[in-house]
Amino acid sequence: MFSLPPGPAAAASGGAARAAYEAIAAAAPSQPSQHEGDAPLGYAVAPLHGIYILAQNRQGLVLVDMHAAHERILYEKLKGALAAQG
């Protein structure tokens, strides 16, 4: 697991970038699974400038917007909670 290095982006956002990266890293598996379809965007390799996550999948490298990824994780959790309620 990688940690977000201190930098101007993390400091300027009041730690929001660090919190987003940690949430995303915690939700993502640290090792590739047997199933290619499990992670179409790939697996986190490193954070870039506190804004993007560099990920790797079978086709190559992928840049993922950290803020958008964090919003998607929250959306999927909310959707799952609503489905569980019936």
N, C-alpha and C. Protein backbone atom coordinates (compact mmCIF):
# COMPACT_ATOMS: atom_id res chain seq x y z
N MET A 1 0.85 -1.17 0.00
CA MET A 1 0.00 0.00 0.00
C MET A 1 0.89 1.23 0.00
N PHE A 2 0.53 2.20 -0.79
CA PHE A 2 1.28 3.43 -0.87
C PHE A 2 0.62 4.49 -0.01
N SER A 3 1.40 5.40 0.50
CA SER A 3 0.82 6.51 1.23
C SER A 3 1.05 7.78 0.43
N LEU A 4 0.20 8.75 0.64
CA LEU A 4 0.29 10.01 -0.08
C LEU A 4 1.40 10.84 0.54
N PRO A 5 2.42 11.21 -0.24
CA PRO A 5 3.50 12.01 0.31
C PRO A 5 3.01 13.42 0.59
N PRO A 6 3.60 14.09 1.59
CA PRO A 6 3.20 15.47 1.84
C PRO A 6 3.61 16.34 0.66
N GLY A 7 2.80 17.27 0.31
CA GLY A 7 3.11 18.14 -0.81
C GLY A 7 2.15 19.31 -0.85
N PRO A 8 2.34 20.21 -1.80
CA PRO A 8 1.50 21.39 -1.85
C PRO A 8 0.02 21.07 -2.06
N ALA A 9 -0.29 20.05 -2.86
CA ALA A 9 -1.69 19.73 -3.12
C ALA A 9 -2.36 19.22 -1.84
N ALA A 10 -1.67 18.36 -1.10
CA ALA A 10 -2.25 17.82 0.13
C ALA A 10 -2.40 18.92 1.18
N ALA A 11 -1.40 19.80 1.27
CA ALA A 11 -1.46 20.88 2.25
C ALA A 11 -2.52 21.89 1.89
N ALA A 12 -2.64 22.23 0.61
CA ALA A 12 -3.60 23.24 0.17
C ALA A 12 -5.03 22.77 0.37
N SER A 13 -5.27 21.49 0.26
CA SER A 13 -6.63 20.98 0.40
C SER A 13 -6.98 20.65 1.84
N GLY A 14 -6.09 20.96 2.75
CA GLY A 14 -6.38 20.69 4.16
C GLY A 14 -6.42 19.21 4.47
N GLY A 15 -5.71 18.41 3.72
CA GLY A 15 -5.68 16.98 3.96
C GLY A 15 -6.78 16.22 3.26
N ALA A 16 -7.62 16.90 2.49
CA ALA A 16 -8.71 16.22 1.79
C ALA A 16 -8.17 15.23 0.77
N ALA A 17 -7.08 15.59 0.10
CA ALA A 17 -6.49 14.67 -0.88
C ALA A 17 -5.98 13.42 -0.19
N ARG A 18 -5.36 13.58 0.95
CA ARG A 18 -4.85 12.43 1.71
C ARG A 18 -6.01 11.54 2.14
N ALA A 19 -7.07 12.13 2.65
CA ALA A 19 -8.23 11.36 3.10
C ALA A 19 -8.87 10.61 1.93
N ALA A 20 -8.98 11.28 0.78
CA ALA A 20 -9.57 10.63 -0.40
C ALA A 20 -8.71 9.47 -0.84
N TYR A 21 -7.38 9.67 -0.91
CA TYR A 21 -6.51 8.58 -1.35
C TYR A 21 -6.59 7.41 -0.39
N GLU A 22 -6.60 7.68 0.91
CA GLU A 22 -6.66 6.59 1.89
C GLU A 22 -7.97 5.82 1.78
N ALA A 23 -9.08 6.52 1.52
CA ALA A 23 -10.37 5.83 1.35
C ALA A 23 -10.36 4.96 0.11
N ILE A 24 -9.79 5.49 -0.96
CA ILE A 24 -9.73 4.73 -2.21
C ILE A 24 -8.80 3.54 -2.06
N ALA A 25 -7.65 3.76 -1.45
CA ALA A 25 -6.69 2.67 -1.28
C ALA A 25 -7.26 1.57 -0.39
N ALA A 26 -8.04 1.95 0.62
CA ALA A 26 -8.64 0.96 1.51
C ALA A 26 -9.71 0.15 0.80
N ALA A 27 -10.41 0.77 -0.14
CA ALA A 27 -11.48 0.07 -0.86
C ALA A 27 -10.95 -0.81 -1.98
N ALA A 28 -9.76 -0.51 -2.48
CA ALA A 28 -9.20 -1.25 -3.60
C ALA A 28 -8.38 -2.44 -3.09
N PRO A 29 -8.45 -3.57 -3.77
CA PRO A 29 -7.61 -4.70 -3.38
C PRO A 29 -6.15 -4.38 -3.65
N SER A 30 -5.25 -4.87 -2.80
CA SER A 30 -3.84 -4.56 -2.97
C SER A 30 -3.17 -5.49 -3.98
N GLN A 31 -3.77 -6.61 -4.28
CA GLN A 31 -3.20 -7.56 -5.24
C GLN A 31 -4.24 -7.89 -6.30
N PRO A 32 -3.81 -8.07 -7.55
CA PRO A 32 -4.76 -8.44 -8.60
C PRO A 32 -5.43 -9.77 -8.28
N SER A 33 -6.70 -9.88 -8.66
CA SER A 33 -7.42 -11.12 -8.42
C SER A 33 -7.36 -12.01 -9.65
N GLN A 34 -7.99 -13.15 -9.56
CA GLN A 34 -8.01 -14.09 -10.67
C GLN A 34 -8.91 -13.62 -11.80
N HIS A 35 -9.85 -12.72 -11.47
CA HIS A 35 -10.84 -12.29 -12.45
C HIS A 35 -10.49 -10.92 -13.01
N GLU A 36 -10.32 -10.84 -14.33
CA GLU A 36 -9.93 -9.58 -14.95
C GLU A 36 -10.98 -8.50 -14.78
N GLY A 37 -12.26 -8.88 -14.76
CA GLY A 37 -13.35 -7.92 -14.68
C GLY A 37 -13.53 -7.28 -13.31
N ASP A 38 -12.82 -7.74 -12.29
CA ASP A 38 -13.00 -7.21 -10.94
C ASP A 38 -12.58 -5.75 -10.82
N ALA A 39 -11.58 -5.33 -11.54
CA ALA A 39 -11.06 -3.96 -11.43
C ALA A 39 -10.72 -3.43 -12.81
N PRO A 40 -11.71 -2.94 -13.55
CA PRO A 40 -11.45 -2.49 -14.92
C PRO A 40 -10.48 -1.32 -15.00
N LEU A 41 -10.42 -0.49 -13.94
CA LEU A 41 -9.46 0.61 -13.95
C LEU A 41 -8.10 0.19 -13.45
N GLY A 42 -7.98 -1.03 -12.97
CA GLY A 42 -6.69 -1.54 -12.53
C GLY A 42 -6.50 -1.43 -11.04
N TYR A 43 -5.26 -1.56 -10.63
CA TYR A 43 -4.88 -1.55 -9.22
C TYR A 43 -3.96 -0.38 -8.97
N ALA A 44 -4.18 0.33 -7.86
CA ALA A 44 -3.42 1.54 -7.54
C ALA A 44 -1.94 1.24 -7.47
N VAL A 45 -1.16 2.06 -8.15
CA VAL A 45 0.30 1.96 -8.12
C VAL A 45 0.88 3.08 -7.26
N ALA A 46 0.40 4.33 -7.49
CA ALA A 46 0.92 5.47 -6.75
C ALA A 46 0.01 6.68 -6.93
N PRO A 47 0.01 7.58 -5.94
CA PRO A 47 -0.69 8.85 -6.11
C PRO A 47 0.19 9.82 -6.89
N LEU A 48 -0.42 10.69 -7.68
CA LEU A 48 0.32 11.69 -8.45
C LEU A 48 -0.18 13.08 -8.11
N HIS A 49 0.67 13.91 -7.56
CA HIS A 49 0.37 15.32 -7.26
C HIS A 49 -0.85 15.51 -6.39
N GLY A 50 -1.26 14.51 -5.65
CA GLY A 50 -2.41 14.64 -4.78
C GLY A 50 -3.72 14.81 -5.51
N ILE A 51 -3.72 14.57 -6.83
CA ILE A 51 -4.92 14.75 -7.64
C ILE A 51 -5.33 13.47 -8.33
N TYR A 52 -4.37 12.69 -8.77
CA TYR A 52 -4.63 11.48 -9.55
C TYR A 52 -4.07 10.25 -8.86
N ILE A 53 -4.58 9.12 -9.25
CA ILE A 53 -4.02 7.84 -8.84
C ILE A 53 -3.53 7.15 -10.10
N LEU A 54 -2.30 6.73 -10.10
CA LEU A 54 -1.76 5.95 -11.20
C LEU A 54 -2.11 4.50 -10.93
N ALA A 55 -2.82 3.90 -11.86
CA ALA A 55 -3.24 2.51 -11.72
C ALA A 55 -2.73 1.71 -12.90
N GLN A 56 -2.67 0.41 -12.74
CA GLN A 56 -2.22 -0.46 -13.82
C GLN A 56 -3.24 -1.57 -14.00
N ASN A 57 -3.61 -1.80 -15.27
CA ASN A 57 -4.47 -2.94 -15.59
C ASN A 57 -3.77 -3.74 -16.69
N ARG A 58 -4.45 -4.72 -17.23
CA ARG A 58 -3.81 -5.60 -18.23
C ARG A 58 -3.46 -4.88 -19.52
N GLN A 59 -4.16 -3.77 -19.82
CA GLN A 59 -3.88 -3.04 -21.05
C GLN A 59 -2.80 -1.98 -20.89
N GLY A 60 -2.44 -1.62 -19.67
CA GLY A 60 -1.40 -0.61 -19.45
C GLY A 60 -1.68 0.23 -18.22
N LEU A 61 -1.26 1.50 -18.29
CA LEU A 61 -1.43 2.42 -17.16
C LEU A 61 -2.68 3.26 -17.34
N VAL A 62 -3.30 3.61 -16.21
CA VAL A 62 -4.53 4.39 -16.20
C VAL A 62 -4.37 5.51 -15.18
N LEU A 63 -4.77 6.73 -15.55
CA LEU A 63 -4.83 7.84 -14.59
C LEU A 63 -6.27 7.97 -14.12
N VAL A 64 -6.45 7.96 -12.81
CA VAL A 64 -7.79 8.05 -12.23
C VAL A 64 -7.87 9.32 -11.40
N ASP A 65 -8.89 10.13 -11.63
CA ASP A 65 -9.11 11.33 -10.84
C ASP A 65 -9.52 10.90 -9.43
N MET A 66 -8.74 11.30 -8.44
CA MET A 66 -8.94 10.85 -7.07
C MET A 66 -10.30 11.29 -6.52
N HIS A 67 -10.69 12.53 -6.80
CA HIS A 67 -11.95 13.05 -6.29
C HIS A 67 -13.13 12.29 -6.89
N ALA A 68 -13.09 12.07 -8.19
CA ALA A 68 -14.17 11.34 -8.86
C ALA A 68 -14.25 9.89 -8.36
N ALA A 69 -13.09 9.28 -8.15
CA ALA A 69 -13.07 7.90 -7.65
C ALA A 69 -13.66 7.83 -6.25
N HIS A 70 -13.34 8.80 -5.42
CA HIS A 70 -13.87 8.81 -4.06
C HIS A 70 -15.39 8.98 -4.09
N GLU A 71 -15.89 9.87 -4.95
CA GLU A 71 -17.33 10.04 -5.08
C GLU A 71 -18.00 8.75 -5.54
N ARG A 72 -17.35 8.03 -6.46
CA ARG A 72 -17.92 6.77 -6.97
C ARG A 72 -17.97 5.72 -5.87
N ILE A 73 -16.95 5.66 -5.03
CA ILE A 73 -16.94 4.71 -3.93
C ILE A 73 -18.10 5.00 -2.98
N LEU A 74 -18.29 6.28 -2.63
CA LEU A 74 -19.39 6.65 -1.75
C LEU A 74 -20.75 6.33 -2.39
N TYR A 75 -20.88 6.58 -3.68
CA TYR A 75 -22.12 6.28 -4.40
C TYR A 75 -22.42 4.79 -4.36
N GLU A 76 -21.40 3.96 -4.63
CA GLU A 76 -21.60 2.51 -4.63
C GLU A 76 -21.98 2.00 -3.24
N LYS A 77 -21.39 2.58 -2.19
CA LYS A 77 -21.75 2.18 -0.83
C LYS A 77 -23.18 2.57 -0.52
N LEU A 78 -23.58 3.77 -0.91
CA LEU A 78 -24.95 4.22 -0.69
C LEU A 78 -25.94 3.34 -1.46
N LYS A 79 -25.61 3.04 -2.70
CA LYS A 79 -26.47 2.20 -3.52
C LYS A 79 -26.63 0.81 -2.88
N GLY A 80 -25.54 0.25 -2.37
CA GLY A 80 -25.60 -1.05 -1.72
C GLY A 80 -26.43 -1.01 -0.44
N ALA A 81 -26.31 0.08 0.33
CA ALA A 81 -27.08 0.22 1.56
C ALA A 81 -28.57 0.34 1.26
N LEU A 82 -28.91 1.08 0.22
CA LEU A 82 -30.32 1.22 -0.15
C LEU A 82 -30.89 -0.10 -0.66
N ALA A 83 -30.11 -0.86 -1.40
CA ALA A 83 -30.55 -2.16 -1.90
C ALA A 83 -30.76 -3.14 -0.75
N ALA A 84 -29.91 -3.05 0.27
CA ALA A 84 -30.03 -3.96 1.42
C ALA A 84 -31.28 -3.65 2.25
N GLN A 85 -31.72 -2.40 2.24
CA GLN A 85 -32.91 -2.02 3.00
C GLN A 85 -34.19 -2.51 2.34
N GLY A 86 -34.09 -2.75 1.04
CA GLY A 86 -35.27 -3.29 0.37
C GLY A 86 -35.92 -2.31 -0.45
